[in-house]
Amino acid sequence: MAEFDDLVSRVGSLLESTLGTAPATRGMAWSPAATGVAFAPLADFCETDDAYLIEVDLPGVRREDIDIELSDRELIISGEIGERERTGTMRQAMRRTGRFEYRALLPGEVNTEGTDATLREGVLTIKVPKAETAKPRRIEITAGE
């Protein structure tokens, strides 16, 4: 469902940037306006043998303005990008501002205690280790008969 929500957000953003308005989202499972969230940031979600890696694009966002919650298998990254103070007349505004939220349901059991997050060059990287029971295990075949 998170992928569908992200697609809806991206299509809305594209229409908003080209037409100046976003489509109505009545009846949809997730509506940014209904939740007070302006947009979902772009993110990559990768799985390795021992962890889930999530990289979220958050250029110009300070770490103090980002909240990360991990409950069971649901990861929620949220925060706010504030308006910058400017002088002069704004001719075009393309940068996103307002509340953002990224949600992911991790496909397997995780070790929440070993989770770490870093923010470097505008990219938030979160590593969520898999629980020992969720890691793949190689099984050796022994000689029979």
N, C-alpha and C. Protein backbone atom coordinates (compact mmCIF):
# COMPACT_ATOMS: atom_id res chain seq x y z
N MET A 1 0.82 -1.19 0.00
CA MET A 1 0.00 0.00 0.00
C MET A 1 0.86 1.26 0.00
N ALA A 2 2.03 1.18 0.66
CA ALA A 2 2.92 2.34 0.72
C ALA A 2 3.37 2.76 -0.68
N GLU A 3 3.62 1.76 -1.56
CA GLU A 3 4.04 2.08 -2.92
C GLU A 3 2.91 2.81 -3.67
N PHE A 4 1.68 2.38 -3.45
CA PHE A 4 0.54 3.04 -4.09
C PHE A 4 0.40 4.47 -3.57
N ASP A 5 0.56 4.64 -2.26
CA ASP A 5 0.48 5.97 -1.67
C ASP A 5 1.56 6.89 -2.26
N ASP A 6 2.76 6.35 -2.43
CA ASP A 6 3.86 7.13 -3.00
C ASP A 6 3.55 7.50 -4.44
N LEU A 7 2.97 6.57 -5.21
CA LEU A 7 2.61 6.84 -6.59
C LEU A 7 1.57 7.95 -6.66
N VAL A 8 0.55 7.89 -5.80
CA VAL A 8 -0.48 8.93 -5.76
C VAL A 8 0.15 10.27 -5.45
N SER A 9 1.07 10.28 -4.49
CA SER A 9 1.74 11.53 -4.11
C SER A 9 2.56 12.10 -5.27
N ARG A 10 3.28 11.22 -5.97
CA ARG A 10 4.11 11.67 -7.09
C ARG A 10 3.26 12.20 -8.25
N VAL A 11 2.17 11.51 -8.57
CA VAL A 11 1.29 11.97 -9.64
C VAL A 11 0.67 13.31 -9.26
N GLY A 12 0.25 13.44 -8.01
CA GLY A 12 -0.30 14.71 -7.54
C GLY A 12 0.71 15.83 -7.64
N SER A 13 1.95 15.54 -7.27
CA SER A 13 3.00 16.55 -7.35
C SER A 13 3.28 16.96 -8.80
N LEU A 14 3.28 15.98 -9.69
CA LEU A 14 3.50 16.27 -11.11
C LEU A 14 2.38 17.15 -11.65
N LEU A 15 1.15 16.81 -11.35
CA LEU A 15 0.02 17.62 -11.82
C LEU A 15 0.05 19.01 -11.20
N GLU A 16 0.41 19.07 -9.92
CA GLU A 16 0.47 20.36 -9.25
C GLU A 16 1.54 21.26 -9.87
N SER A 17 2.69 20.66 -10.22
CA SER A 17 3.77 21.47 -10.78
C SER A 17 3.48 21.90 -12.22
N THR A 18 2.70 21.10 -12.97
CA THR A 18 2.42 21.47 -14.36
C THR A 18 1.11 22.25 -14.51
N LEU A 19 0.10 21.90 -13.74
CA LEU A 19 -1.20 22.55 -13.88
C LEU A 19 -1.50 23.57 -12.79
N GLY A 20 -0.72 23.52 -11.71
CA GLY A 20 -0.95 24.43 -10.60
C GLY A 20 -2.00 23.94 -9.62
N THR A 21 -2.48 22.70 -9.81
CA THR A 21 -3.47 22.14 -8.89
C THR A 21 -3.28 20.63 -8.83
N ALA A 22 -3.62 20.05 -7.69
CA ALA A 22 -3.53 18.61 -7.52
C ALA A 22 -4.90 17.99 -7.66
N PRO A 23 -4.99 16.73 -8.09
CA PRO A 23 -6.29 16.09 -8.24
C PRO A 23 -6.92 15.81 -6.89
N ALA A 24 -8.23 15.68 -6.87
CA ALA A 24 -8.92 15.32 -5.64
C ALA A 24 -8.58 13.88 -5.29
N THR A 25 -8.43 13.59 -4.01
CA THR A 25 -8.06 12.23 -3.59
C THR A 25 -9.16 11.59 -2.76
N ARG A 26 -10.40 12.03 -2.93
CA ARG A 26 -11.52 11.48 -2.16
C ARG A 26 -11.64 9.99 -2.45
N GLY A 27 -11.85 9.22 -1.37
CA GLY A 27 -12.03 7.79 -1.50
C GLY A 27 -10.73 7.01 -1.55
N MET A 28 -9.60 7.68 -1.57
CA MET A 28 -8.33 6.98 -1.60
C MET A 28 -7.92 6.60 -0.18
N ALA A 29 -7.06 5.62 -0.06
CA ALA A 29 -6.65 5.13 1.24
C ALA A 29 -5.85 6.16 2.02
N TRP A 30 -5.09 6.98 1.32
CA TRP A 30 -4.24 7.95 2.00
C TRP A 30 -4.32 9.26 1.25
N SER A 31 -4.62 10.31 1.96
CA SER A 31 -4.68 11.63 1.35
C SER A 31 -3.78 12.56 2.13
N PRO A 32 -2.73 13.11 1.51
CA PRO A 32 -1.83 13.99 2.24
C PRO A 32 -2.56 15.13 2.93
N ALA A 33 -3.54 15.73 2.27
CA ALA A 33 -4.25 16.85 2.86
C ALA A 33 -5.01 16.42 4.11
N ALA A 34 -5.58 15.22 4.08
CA ALA A 34 -6.36 14.74 5.21
C ALA A 34 -5.48 14.45 6.43
N THR A 35 -4.23 14.10 6.20
CA THR A 35 -3.33 13.77 7.30
C THR A 35 -2.46 14.94 7.72
N GLY A 36 -2.56 16.06 7.03
CA GLY A 36 -1.72 17.20 7.34
C GLY A 36 -0.32 17.08 6.78
N VAL A 37 -0.10 16.10 5.91
CA VAL A 37 1.21 15.87 5.31
C VAL A 37 1.20 16.45 3.91
N ALA A 38 2.22 17.26 3.59
CA ALA A 38 2.28 17.90 2.29
C ALA A 38 2.81 16.96 1.20
N PHE A 39 3.77 16.10 1.57
CA PHE A 39 4.35 15.22 0.55
C PHE A 39 5.11 14.06 1.19
N ALA A 40 5.40 13.05 0.36
CA ALA A 40 6.24 11.93 0.75
C ALA A 40 7.57 12.10 0.02
N PRO A 41 8.69 12.14 0.75
CA PRO A 41 9.99 12.31 0.08
C PRO A 41 10.37 11.07 -0.73
N LEU A 42 11.23 11.27 -1.72
CA LEU A 42 11.71 10.17 -2.53
C LEU A 42 12.61 9.28 -1.69
N ALA A 43 12.49 7.97 -1.88
CA ALA A 43 13.26 7.04 -1.06
C ALA A 43 13.57 5.77 -1.84
N ASP A 44 14.67 5.12 -1.46
CA ASP A 44 15.03 3.80 -1.95
C ASP A 44 14.96 2.83 -0.78
N PHE A 45 14.45 1.64 -1.02
CA PHE A 45 14.30 0.63 0.02
C PHE A 45 14.98 -0.64 -0.51
N CYS A 46 16.00 -1.11 0.21
CA CYS A 46 16.81 -2.24 -0.23
C CYS A 46 16.87 -3.28 0.88
N GLU A 47 16.96 -4.54 0.49
CA GLU A 47 17.10 -5.62 1.47
C GLU A 47 18.38 -6.38 1.22
N THR A 48 19.16 -6.59 2.27
CA THR A 48 20.36 -7.42 2.20
C THR A 48 20.08 -8.68 3.01
N ASP A 49 21.07 -9.57 3.11
CA ASP A 49 20.88 -10.80 3.88
C ASP A 49 20.62 -10.52 5.36
N ASP A 50 21.20 -9.44 5.89
CA ASP A 50 21.08 -9.21 7.32
C ASP A 50 20.36 -7.92 7.74
N ALA A 51 19.90 -7.10 6.77
CA ALA A 51 19.25 -5.84 7.16
C ALA A 51 18.39 -5.28 6.03
N TYR A 52 17.56 -4.30 6.41
CA TYR A 52 16.80 -3.49 5.46
C TYR A 52 17.45 -2.11 5.46
N LEU A 53 17.70 -1.57 4.27
CA LEU A 53 18.32 -0.25 4.14
C LEU A 53 17.33 0.69 3.45
N ILE A 54 17.11 1.83 4.08
CA ILE A 54 16.21 2.83 3.53
C ILE A 54 16.99 4.12 3.39
N GLU A 55 17.00 4.68 2.17
CA GLU A 55 17.66 5.96 1.91
C GLU A 55 16.60 6.95 1.46
N VAL A 56 16.49 8.07 2.18
CA VAL A 56 15.45 9.05 1.92
C VAL A 56 16.10 10.39 1.56
N ASP A 57 15.68 10.99 0.46
CA ASP A 57 16.20 12.29 0.04
C ASP A 57 15.56 13.39 0.87
N LEU A 58 16.37 14.08 1.67
CA LEU A 58 15.89 15.19 2.50
C LEU A 58 16.88 16.36 2.42
N PRO A 59 17.09 16.91 1.23
CA PRO A 59 18.07 18.00 1.10
C PRO A 59 17.67 19.23 1.91
N GLY A 60 18.64 19.77 2.62
CA GLY A 60 18.42 20.99 3.39
C GLY A 60 17.70 20.79 4.71
N VAL A 61 17.35 19.56 5.07
CA VAL A 61 16.64 19.30 6.32
C VAL A 61 17.66 18.98 7.41
N ARG A 62 17.49 19.63 8.57
CA ARG A 62 18.37 19.36 9.71
C ARG A 62 17.89 18.12 10.44
N ARG A 63 18.82 17.41 11.06
CA ARG A 63 18.45 16.18 11.76
C ARG A 63 17.47 16.43 12.89
N GLU A 64 17.51 17.63 13.49
CA GLU A 64 16.57 17.97 14.56
C GLU A 64 15.14 18.07 14.05
N ASP A 65 14.96 18.22 12.74
CA ASP A 65 13.63 18.38 12.15
C ASP A 65 13.06 17.07 11.60
N ILE A 66 13.73 15.96 11.91
CA ILE A 66 13.32 14.65 11.40
C ILE A 66 12.97 13.74 12.58
N ASP A 67 11.84 13.06 12.49
CA ASP A 67 11.43 12.07 13.49
C ASP A 67 11.41 10.70 12.82
N ILE A 68 11.96 9.70 13.51
CA ILE A 68 11.97 8.34 13.00
C ILE A 68 11.34 7.45 14.07
N GLU A 69 10.34 6.68 13.67
CA GLU A 69 9.69 5.74 14.58
C GLU A 69 9.70 4.35 13.94
N LEU A 70 9.99 3.35 14.76
CA LEU A 70 9.96 1.97 14.31
C LEU A 70 9.16 1.18 15.32
N SER A 71 8.00 0.72 14.88
CA SER A 71 7.11 -0.02 15.76
C SER A 71 6.78 -1.34 15.08
N ASP A 72 7.14 -2.44 15.73
CA ASP A 72 7.02 -3.76 15.12
C ASP A 72 7.77 -3.73 13.79
N ARG A 73 7.05 -3.77 12.68
CA ARG A 73 7.70 -3.77 11.37
C ARG A 73 7.41 -2.51 10.59
N GLU A 74 6.72 -1.53 11.18
CA GLU A 74 6.38 -0.30 10.47
C GLU A 74 7.38 0.80 10.78
N LEU A 75 7.97 1.34 9.72
CA LEU A 75 8.92 2.45 9.84
C LEU A 75 8.23 3.72 9.37
N ILE A 76 8.28 4.78 10.19
CA ILE A 76 7.68 6.05 9.84
C ILE A 76 8.73 7.14 10.00
N ILE A 77 9.00 7.86 8.91
CA ILE A 77 9.92 8.98 8.91
C ILE A 77 9.10 10.22 8.62
N SER A 78 9.16 11.20 9.51
CA SER A 78 8.36 12.40 9.31
C SER A 78 9.14 13.62 9.75
N GLY A 79 8.63 14.77 9.39
CA GLY A 79 9.26 16.02 9.78
C GLY A 79 8.67 17.17 9.01
N GLU A 80 9.41 18.26 9.00
CA GLU A 80 8.92 19.45 8.32
C GLU A 80 10.08 20.23 7.71
N ILE A 81 9.83 20.71 6.51
CA ILE A 81 10.77 21.59 5.83
C ILE A 81 10.15 22.97 5.85
N GLY A 82 10.81 23.89 6.55
CA GLY A 82 10.26 25.24 6.69
C GLY A 82 10.62 26.13 5.52
N GLU A 83 9.86 27.18 5.38
CA GLU A 83 10.13 28.19 4.35
C GLU A 83 11.41 28.94 4.74
N ARG A 84 12.23 29.19 3.78
CA ARG A 84 13.43 29.99 4.01
C ARG A 84 13.07 31.46 3.91
N GLU A 85 13.74 32.25 4.71
CA GLU A 85 13.52 33.69 4.63
C GLU A 85 14.23 34.23 3.40
N ARG A 86 13.54 35.03 2.63
CA ARG A 86 14.10 35.52 1.36
C ARG A 86 13.94 37.03 1.26
N THR A 87 14.76 37.59 0.42
CA THR A 87 14.62 39.00 0.09
C THR A 87 14.33 39.09 -1.40
N GLY A 88 13.67 40.12 -1.81
CA GLY A 88 13.36 40.28 -3.23
C GLY A 88 12.04 39.63 -3.57
N THR A 89 11.77 39.58 -4.86
CA THR A 89 10.52 39.03 -5.36
C THR A 89 10.74 37.60 -5.83
N MET A 90 9.93 36.66 -5.32
CA MET A 90 10.02 35.26 -5.73
C MET A 90 9.42 35.12 -7.12
N ARG A 91 10.21 34.64 -8.06
CA ARG A 91 9.75 34.47 -9.44
C ARG A 91 9.26 33.05 -9.70
N GLN A 92 9.88 32.10 -9.03
CA GLN A 92 9.47 30.70 -9.20
C GLN A 92 9.88 29.94 -7.95
N ALA A 93 8.98 29.17 -7.39
CA ALA A 93 9.26 28.35 -6.21
C ALA A 93 9.01 26.89 -6.55
N MET A 94 10.08 26.11 -6.61
CA MET A 94 9.97 24.70 -6.96
C MET A 94 10.32 23.77 -5.80
N ARG A 95 11.00 24.31 -4.78
CA ARG A 95 11.40 23.47 -3.65
C ARG A 95 10.19 23.18 -2.77
N ARG A 96 10.15 21.98 -2.27
CA ARG A 96 9.04 21.57 -1.41
C ARG A 96 9.23 22.09 0.00
N THR A 97 8.14 22.48 0.60
CA THR A 97 8.13 22.88 1.99
C THR A 97 6.89 22.27 2.65
N GLY A 98 6.89 22.24 3.96
CA GLY A 98 5.76 21.70 4.70
C GLY A 98 6.08 20.35 5.32
N ARG A 99 5.06 19.71 5.85
CA ARG A 99 5.22 18.42 6.52
C ARG A 99 5.45 17.31 5.50
N PHE A 100 6.34 16.39 5.84
CA PHE A 100 6.57 15.23 4.99
C PHE A 100 6.44 13.97 5.83
N GLU A 101 6.18 12.87 5.14
CA GLU A 101 6.10 11.58 5.81
C GLU A 101 6.40 10.47 4.82
N TYR A 102 7.23 9.53 5.26
CA TYR A 102 7.52 8.33 4.48
C TYR A 102 7.21 7.14 5.38
N ARG A 103 6.45 6.19 4.88
CA ARG A 103 6.09 4.99 5.64
C ARG A 103 6.51 3.75 4.87
N ALA A 104 7.01 2.77 5.60
CA ALA A 104 7.36 1.49 4.98
C ALA A 104 7.02 0.37 5.95
N LEU A 105 6.41 -0.68 5.43
CA LEU A 105 6.16 -1.87 6.21
C LEU A 105 7.26 -2.86 5.85
N LEU A 106 8.12 -3.14 6.81
CA LEU A 106 9.25 -4.03 6.56
C LEU A 106 8.73 -5.46 6.42
N PRO A 107 9.22 -6.22 5.44
CA PRO A 107 8.64 -7.52 5.13
C PRO A 107 8.91 -8.63 6.13
N GLY A 108 9.86 -8.45 7.04
CA GLY A 108 10.18 -9.52 7.99
C GLY A 108 10.41 -8.98 9.39
N GLU A 109 10.68 -9.88 10.32
CA GLU A 109 10.94 -9.49 11.70
C GLU A 109 12.27 -8.74 11.77
N VAL A 110 12.32 -7.72 12.66
CA VAL A 110 13.51 -6.88 12.75
C VAL A 110 14.03 -6.79 14.18
N ASN A 111 15.28 -6.37 14.29
CA ASN A 111 15.92 -6.11 15.58
C ASN A 111 15.90 -4.60 15.78
N THR A 112 14.90 -4.09 16.47
CA THR A 112 14.75 -2.64 16.62
C THR A 112 15.90 -2.02 17.41
N GLU A 113 16.51 -2.78 18.31
CA GLU A 113 17.60 -2.24 19.13
C GLU A 113 18.85 -1.92 18.31
N GLY A 114 19.07 -2.64 17.23
CA GLY A 114 20.28 -2.44 16.43
C GLY A 114 20.12 -1.43 15.31
N THR A 115 18.98 -0.78 15.23
CA THR A 115 18.70 0.17 14.15
C THR A 115 19.53 1.43 14.32
N ASP A 116 20.09 1.93 13.21
CA ASP A 116 20.81 3.21 13.27
C ASP A 116 20.44 4.07 12.06
N ALA A 117 20.64 5.38 12.23
CA ALA A 117 20.30 6.34 11.18
C ALA A 117 21.39 7.39 11.08
N THR A 118 21.70 7.78 9.83
CA THR A 118 22.68 8.84 9.59
C THR A 118 22.10 9.79 8.54
N LEU A 119 22.48 11.06 8.68
CA LEU A 119 22.08 12.07 7.70
C LEU A 119 23.35 12.67 7.14
N ARG A 120 23.58 12.44 5.84
CA ARG A 120 24.81 12.90 5.22
C ARG A 120 24.49 13.41 3.82
N GLU A 121 24.88 14.66 3.55
CA GLU A 121 24.71 15.28 2.25
C GLU A 121 23.26 15.22 1.75
N GLY A 122 22.31 15.44 2.67
CA GLY A 122 20.91 15.49 2.30
C GLY A 122 20.22 14.15 2.14
N VAL A 123 20.92 13.07 2.48
CA VAL A 123 20.33 11.73 2.37
C VAL A 123 20.30 11.09 3.76
N LEU A 124 19.10 10.74 4.20
CA LEU A 124 18.92 10.03 5.47
C LEU A 124 19.01 8.54 5.17
N THR A 125 19.94 7.85 5.83
CA THR A 125 20.11 6.42 5.64
C THR A 125 19.78 5.70 6.95
N ILE A 126 18.86 4.77 6.86
CA ILE A 126 18.46 4.00 8.04
C ILE A 126 18.75 2.54 7.76
N LYS A 127 19.43 1.90 8.71
CA LYS A 127 19.73 0.47 8.60
C LYS A 127 18.98 -0.24 9.73
N VAL A 128 18.08 -1.13 9.34
CA VAL A 128 17.28 -1.89 10.31
C VAL A 128 17.71 -3.35 10.21
N PRO A 129 18.43 -3.85 11.21
CA PRO A 129 18.88 -5.25 11.15
C PRO A 129 17.70 -6.22 11.22
N LYS A 130 17.84 -7.32 10.52
CA LYS A 130 16.83 -8.38 10.59
C LYS A 130 17.00 -9.13 11.91
N ALA A 131 15.92 -9.67 12.43
CA ALA A 131 15.99 -10.53 13.60
C ALA A 131 16.70 -11.82 13.20
N GLU A 132 17.37 -12.45 14.13
CA GLU A 132 18.11 -13.67 13.82
C GLU A 132 17.22 -14.72 13.15
N THR A 133 15.97 -14.80 13.57
CA THR A 133 15.07 -15.81 12.99
C THR A 133 14.69 -15.48 11.55
N ALA A 134 14.83 -14.21 11.14
CA ALA A 134 14.44 -13.81 9.79
C ALA A 134 15.58 -13.90 8.78
N LYS A 135 16.81 -14.06 9.26
CA LYS A 135 17.95 -14.12 8.35
C LYS A 135 17.98 -15.45 7.61
N PRO A 136 18.37 -15.40 6.32
CA PRO A 136 18.48 -16.66 5.58
C PRO A 136 19.63 -17.51 6.14
N ARG A 137 19.46 -18.80 6.06
CA ARG A 137 20.46 -19.70 6.61
C ARG A 137 20.85 -20.72 5.54
N ARG A 138 22.12 -20.91 5.38
CA ARG A 138 22.60 -21.90 4.41
C ARG A 138 22.62 -23.26 5.09
N ILE A 139 22.06 -24.23 4.42
CA ILE A 139 21.99 -25.59 4.98
C ILE A 139 22.88 -26.51 4.14
N GLU A 140 23.84 -27.09 4.82
CA GLU A 140 24.75 -28.01 4.17
C GLU A 140 24.08 -29.37 3.97
N ILE A 141 24.37 -29.98 2.87
CA ILE A 141 23.85 -31.31 2.60
C ILE A 141 24.93 -32.31 3.01
N THR A 142 24.55 -33.21 3.87
CA THR A 142 25.52 -34.20 4.32
C THR A 142 25.39 -35.47 3.48
N ALA A 143 26.43 -36.24 3.48
CA ALA A 143 26.42 -37.48 2.69
C ALA A 143 25.40 -38.44 3.30
N GLY A 144 24.68 -39.07 2.47
CA GLY A 144 23.69 -40.04 2.94
C GLY A 144 24.09 -41.44 2.56
N GLU A 145 23.44 -42.40 3.12
CA GLU A 145 23.63 -43.83 2.86
C GLU A 145 25.02 -44.25 2.91
